[in-house]
Amino acid sequence: FEGCWIEQYNFGGFPGSHDYPQFLRRMNSLGHCVGASLWPKEQFDERSLFLEITSAIAQMENWMVWVNDLMSFYKEFDDE
């Protein structure tokens, strides 16, 4: 939600703020949501495995946004 709020102003960051694009990408990504969906409750008890699950999601979240971008890249362009 916060990433969409920022993007509505079409601000790309100040000159020299090299981390801004990555920051905005993380704000709009769903890597943590995707990561959370990888653990079916029938197989993984989140109460007993909470530390392991959250640590694994933290490790995966950073690259999941890029995999998602690659898999949905075609949606960014019109077929006109």
C-alpha atoms as a PDB file:
ATOM      1  CA  PHE A   1       0.000   0.000   0.000  1.00  0.00           C
ATOM      2  CA  GLU A   2       2.729   2.453   0.924  1.00  0.00           C
ATOM      3  CA  GLY A   3       4.547   1.884  -2.367  1.00  0.00           C
ATOM      4  CA  CYS A   4       1.391   2.724  -4.338  1.00  0.00           C
ATOM      5  CA  TRP A   5       0.967   5.881  -2.283  1.00  0.00           C
ATOM      6  CA  ILE A   6       4.529   6.955  -3.122  1.00  0.00           C
ATOM      7  CA  GLU A   7       4.212   6.051  -6.813  1.00  0.00           C
ATOM      8  CA  GLN A   8       1.133   8.245  -7.316  1.00  0.00           C
ATOM      9  CA  TYR A   9       3.462  11.253  -7.111  1.00  0.00           C
ATOM     10  CA  ASN A  10       5.663   9.845  -9.912  1.00  0.00           C
ATOM     11  CA  PHE A  11       8.788  10.628  -7.899  1.00  0.00           C
ATOM     12  CA  GLY A  12      11.913   8.729  -8.905  1.00  0.00           C
ATOM     13  CA  GLY A  13      14.083   9.867  -6.032  1.00  0.00           C
ATOM     14  CA  PHE A  14      16.531  12.728  -5.789  1.00  0.00           C
ATOM     15  CA  PRO A  15      19.649  12.689  -7.998  1.00  0.00           C
ATOM     16  CA  GLY A  16      22.229  10.487  -6.348  1.00  0.00           C
ATOM     17  CA  SER A  17      19.753   8.486  -4.263  1.00  0.00           C
ATOM     18  CA  HIS A  18      20.870   5.221  -5.822  1.00  0.00           C
ATOM     19  CA  ASP A  19      18.968   3.058  -3.348  1.00  0.00           C
ATOM     20  CA  TYR A  20      15.614   4.701  -4.067  1.00  0.00           C
ATOM     21  CA  PRO A  21      14.553   2.432  -6.981  1.00  0.00           C
ATOM     22  CA  GLN A  22      15.297  -0.695  -4.949  1.00  0.00           C
ATOM     23  CA  PHE A  23      13.478   0.789  -1.954  1.00  0.00           C
ATOM     24  CA  LEU A  24      10.393   1.488  -4.056  1.00  0.00           C
ATOM     25  CA  ARG A  25      10.571  -1.966  -5.608  1.00  0.00           C
ATOM     26  CA  ARG A  26      10.590  -3.573  -2.170  1.00  0.00           C
ATOM     27  CA  MET A  27       7.651  -1.421  -1.100  1.00  0.00           C
ATOM     28  CA  ASN A  28       5.548  -2.648  -4.027  1.00  0.00           C
ATOM     29  CA  SER A  29       6.622  -6.254  -4.086  1.00  0.00           C
ATOM     30  CA  LEU A  30       4.780  -9.204  -2.699  1.00  0.00           C
ATOM     31  CA  GLY A  31       7.817 -11.337  -1.955  1.00  0.00           C
ATOM     32  CA  HIS A  32       6.965 -11.687   1.709  1.00  0.00           C
ATOM     33  CA  CYS A  33       3.360 -12.618   0.859  1.00  0.00           C
ATOM     34  CA  VAL A  34       4.497 -15.181  -1.675  1.00  0.00           C
ATOM     35  CA  GLY A  35       7.020 -16.504   0.811  1.00  0.00           C
ATOM     36  CA  ALA A  36       4.352 -16.915   3.449  1.00  0.00           C
ATOM     37  CA  SER A  37       2.157 -18.908   1.063  1.00  0.00           C
ATOM     38  CA  LEU A  38       4.881 -21.526   0.569  1.00  0.00           C
ATOM     39  CA  TRP A  39       4.238 -23.036   3.984  1.00  0.00           C
ATOM     40  CA  PRO A  40       0.938 -24.998   3.955  1.00  0.00           C
ATOM     41  CA  LYS A  41      -0.489 -25.125   7.457  1.00  0.00           C
ATOM     42  CA  GLU A  42      -1.232 -28.835   7.073  1.00  0.00           C
ATOM     43  CA  GLN A  43       2.503 -29.556   6.793  1.00  0.00           C
ATOM     44  CA  PHE A  44       4.094 -26.753   8.823  1.00  0.00           C
ATOM     45  CA  ASP A  45       2.939 -25.786  12.301  1.00  0.00           C
ATOM     46  CA  GLU A  46       3.665 -22.066  12.414  1.00  0.00           C
ATOM     47  CA  ARG A  47       3.642 -22.017  16.213  1.00  0.00           C
ATOM     48  CA  SER A  48       6.499 -24.471  16.508  1.00  0.00           C
ATOM     49  CA  LEU A  49       8.321 -23.390  13.327  1.00  0.00           C
ATOM     50  CA  PHE A  50       7.755 -19.633  13.486  1.00  0.00           C
ATOM     51  CA  LEU A  51      11.441 -18.710  13.759  1.00  0.00           C
ATOM     52  CA  GLU A  52      12.437 -21.019  10.912  1.00  0.00           C
ATOM     53  CA  ILE A  53       9.617 -19.879   8.619  1.00  0.00           C
ATOM     54  CA  THR A  54      10.189 -16.162   9.150  1.00  0.00           C
ATOM     55  CA  SER A  55      13.947 -16.569   8.700  1.00  0.00           C
ATOM     56  CA  ALA A  56      13.425 -18.476   5.453  1.00  0.00           C
ATOM     57  CA  ILE A  57      11.001 -15.829   4.165  1.00  0.00           C
ATOM     58  CA  ALA A  58      13.514 -13.105   5.011  1.00  0.00           C
ATOM     59  CA  GLN A  59      16.153 -14.959   2.971  1.00  0.00           C
ATOM     60  CA  MET A  60      13.844 -15.507  -0.014  1.00  0.00           C
ATOM     61  CA  GLU A  61      12.024 -12.166  -0.108  1.00  0.00           C
ATOM     62  CA  ASN A  62      14.838 -10.188  -1.657  1.00  0.00           C
ATOM     63  CA  TRP A  63      15.125 -12.297  -4.794  1.00  0.00           C
ATOM     64  CA  MET A  64      11.458 -13.304  -5.058  1.00  0.00           C
ATOM     65  CA  VAL A  65      10.541  -9.819  -6.240  1.00  0.00           C
ATOM     66  CA  TRP A  66      12.935 -10.192  -9.176  1.00  0.00           C
ATOM     67  CA  VAL A  67      11.649 -13.651 -10.075  1.00  0.00           C
ATOM     68  CA  ASN A  68       8.122 -12.239  -9.992  1.00  0.00           C
ATOM     69  CA  ASP A  69       9.207  -9.404 -12.292  1.00  0.00           C
ATOM     70  CA  LEU A  70      10.738 -11.843 -14.766  1.00  0.00           C
ATOM     71  CA  MET A  71       7.669 -14.055 -14.775  1.00  0.00           C
ATOM     72  CA  SER A  72       5.239 -11.150 -15.264  1.00  0.00           C
ATOM     73  CA  PHE A  73       7.361  -8.952 -17.535  1.00  0.00           C
ATOM     74  CA  TYR A  74       5.025  -9.525 -20.494  1.00  0.00           C
ATOM     75  CA  LYS A  75       2.217  -7.716 -18.659  1.00  0.00           C
ATOM     76  CA  GLU A  76       4.133  -4.430 -18.783  1.00  0.00           C
ATOM     77  CA  PHE A  77       3.618  -3.926 -22.511  1.00  0.00           C
ATOM     78  CA  ASP A  78       0.594  -3.547 -24.761  1.00  0.00           C
ATOM     79  CA  ASP A  79       0.218  -5.801 -27.776  1.00  0.00           C
ATOM     80  CA  GLU A  80      -0.868  -2.903 -29.983  1.00  0.00           C
END
